[in-house]
Structure formats: structure tokens, C-alpha cells
């Protein structure tokens, strides 16, 4: 009776639909503790937690810096300078 070999549906199921690249990642202990807390709260493995956190970071890009109207700012500074010179002259 033959044993072993490939059987349909046998073995661990793939977690992702693409190739997996293993890496070594060094983290400060405080960050690792926070990651482990996150994994427990969300019932995830460390790799899945990192993947989930990265996808959340991609969803929320950092805000764009605000454009400042420099001409208005310069005008206000000139007015302030004039007020200060008037006060010091009197």
C-alpha cells in the first residue's frame, strides 16, 4: 500500500496568493511589545499584523503641507513694523 506523496487538499493552506519573501527584521523591544499587543487584540500572527498595519498606512497618506500666502504675511509684517516704530518714536 503506497503512502505519502501529494494528495489534493492536503497540507497547510497558503495565506497569500503571491510568493512570500522571508526577512529578518530588528525592532526595539518597546515596538515589538506594541506589535505583540496588536496581534493579540486582532488575533493575528506577527507577519499578518505587519502587513495589515502597512496596508492601513497606505490608505491614509500624510497630509500635504499647506500653501502659505507669503504676500499677505509680508504685508502684515510691514504693518507690524510700522506700528512698532511709531510706538518707539513716541
Protein backbone atom coordinates (compact mmCIF):
# COMPACT_ATOMS: atom_id res chain seq x y z
CA UNK A 1 0.00 0.00 0.00
CA UNK A 2 1.68 3.29 -1.10
CA UNK A 3 1.91 6.13 1.41
CA UNK A 4 2.96 9.76 1.28
CA UNK A 5 3.23 11.99 -1.73
CA UNK A 6 0.96 14.77 -2.94
CA UNK A 7 -2.73 14.49 -2.17
CA UNK A 8 -5.36 17.00 -3.26
CA UNK A 9 -6.29 19.32 -0.40
CA UNK A 10 -3.53 18.05 1.91
CA UNK A 11 -1.07 20.27 3.74
CA UNK A 12 -1.08 23.80 5.07
CA UNK A 13 -3.22 26.26 3.14
CA UNK A 14 -1.48 29.25 1.53
CA UNK A 15 -2.02 32.52 3.37
CA UNK A 16 -1.32 34.74 0.36
CA UNK A 17 -1.89 34.45 -3.38
CA UNK A 18 1.65 35.56 -4.23
CA UNK A 19 5.18 34.44 -3.42
CA UNK A 20 6.39 35.11 0.11
CA UNK A 21 9.81 36.66 0.82
CA UNK A 22 11.22 35.96 4.29
CA UNK A 23 13.12 38.80 6.01
CA UNK A 24 14.91 39.39 9.27
CA UNK A 25 13.52 42.46 11.00
CA UNK A 26 15.07 44.09 14.03
CA UNK A 27 12.77 46.21 16.19
CA UNK A 28 13.20 47.97 19.52
CA UNK A 29 11.68 45.95 22.35
CA UNK A 30 9.05 48.63 23.03
CA UNK A 31 7.87 48.50 19.41
CA UNK A 32 7.83 44.71 19.48
CA UNK A 33 5.70 44.77 22.64
CA UNK A 34 3.22 47.11 20.92
CA UNK A 35 3.18 44.85 17.86
CA UNK A 36 2.52 41.80 20.03
CA UNK A 37 -0.31 43.64 21.82
CA UNK A 38 -1.79 44.46 18.41
CA UNK A 39 -1.53 40.82 17.30
CA UNK A 40 -3.35 39.66 20.44
CA UNK A 41 -6.09 42.30 20.14
CA UNK A 42 -6.73 41.44 16.48
CA UNK A 43 -5.99 37.68 16.67
CA UNK A 44 -3.22 37.86 14.04
CA UNK A 45 0.26 36.48 13.57
CA UNK A 46 3.14 38.95 13.60
CA UNK A 47 3.61 38.86 9.81
CA UNK A 48 -0.11 39.39 9.20
CA UNK A 49 -0.19 42.22 11.73
CA UNK A 50 2.73 43.96 9.98
CA UNK A 51 1.02 43.51 6.59
CA UNK A 52 -2.27 44.87 7.96
CA UNK A 53 -0.60 47.88 9.58
CA UNK A 54 1.28 48.66 6.36
CA UNK A 55 -1.92 48.50 4.31
CA UNK A 56 -3.57 50.89 6.79
CA UNK A 57 -0.63 53.25 6.45
CA UNK A 58 -1.04 53.20 2.66
CA UNK A 59 -4.70 54.12 2.94
CA UNK A 60 -4.03 57.25 4.96
CA UNK A 61 -1.28 59.24 3.23
CA UNK A 62 0.35 62.05 5.17
CA UNK A 63 -1.34 65.43 4.76
CA UNK A 64 0.07 67.80 2.16
CA UNK A 65 1.87 70.86 3.50
CA UNK A 66 -0.36 73.90 3.40
CA UNK A 67 0.42 76.64 0.91
CA UNK A 68 1.05 79.94 2.65
CA UNK A 69 0.18 83.27 1.07
CA UNK A 70 3.53 84.98 1.60
CA UNK A 71 2.42 88.33 0.16
CA UNK A 72 -0.25 88.67 2.85
CA UNK A 73 2.22 87.63 5.52
CA UNK A 74 4.79 90.19 4.31
CA UNK A 75 2.14 92.92 4.31
CA UNK A 76 1.17 92.08 7.90
CA UNK A 77 4.83 92.10 8.96
CA UNK A 78 5.35 95.53 7.35
CA UNK A 79 2.29 96.89 9.17
CA UNK A 80 3.55 95.47 12.45
CA UNK A 81 6.98 97.00 11.88
CA UNK A 82 5.40 100.39 11.21
CA UNK A 83 3.32 100.16 14.38
CA UNK A 84 6.37 99.26 16.44
CA UNK A 85 8.48 102.09 15.00
CA UNK A 86 5.64 104.57 15.74
CA UNK A 87 5.38 103.35 19.33
CA UNK A 88 9.13 103.55 19.90
CA UNK A 89 9.28 107.06 18.35
CA UNK A 90 6.59 108.44 20.68
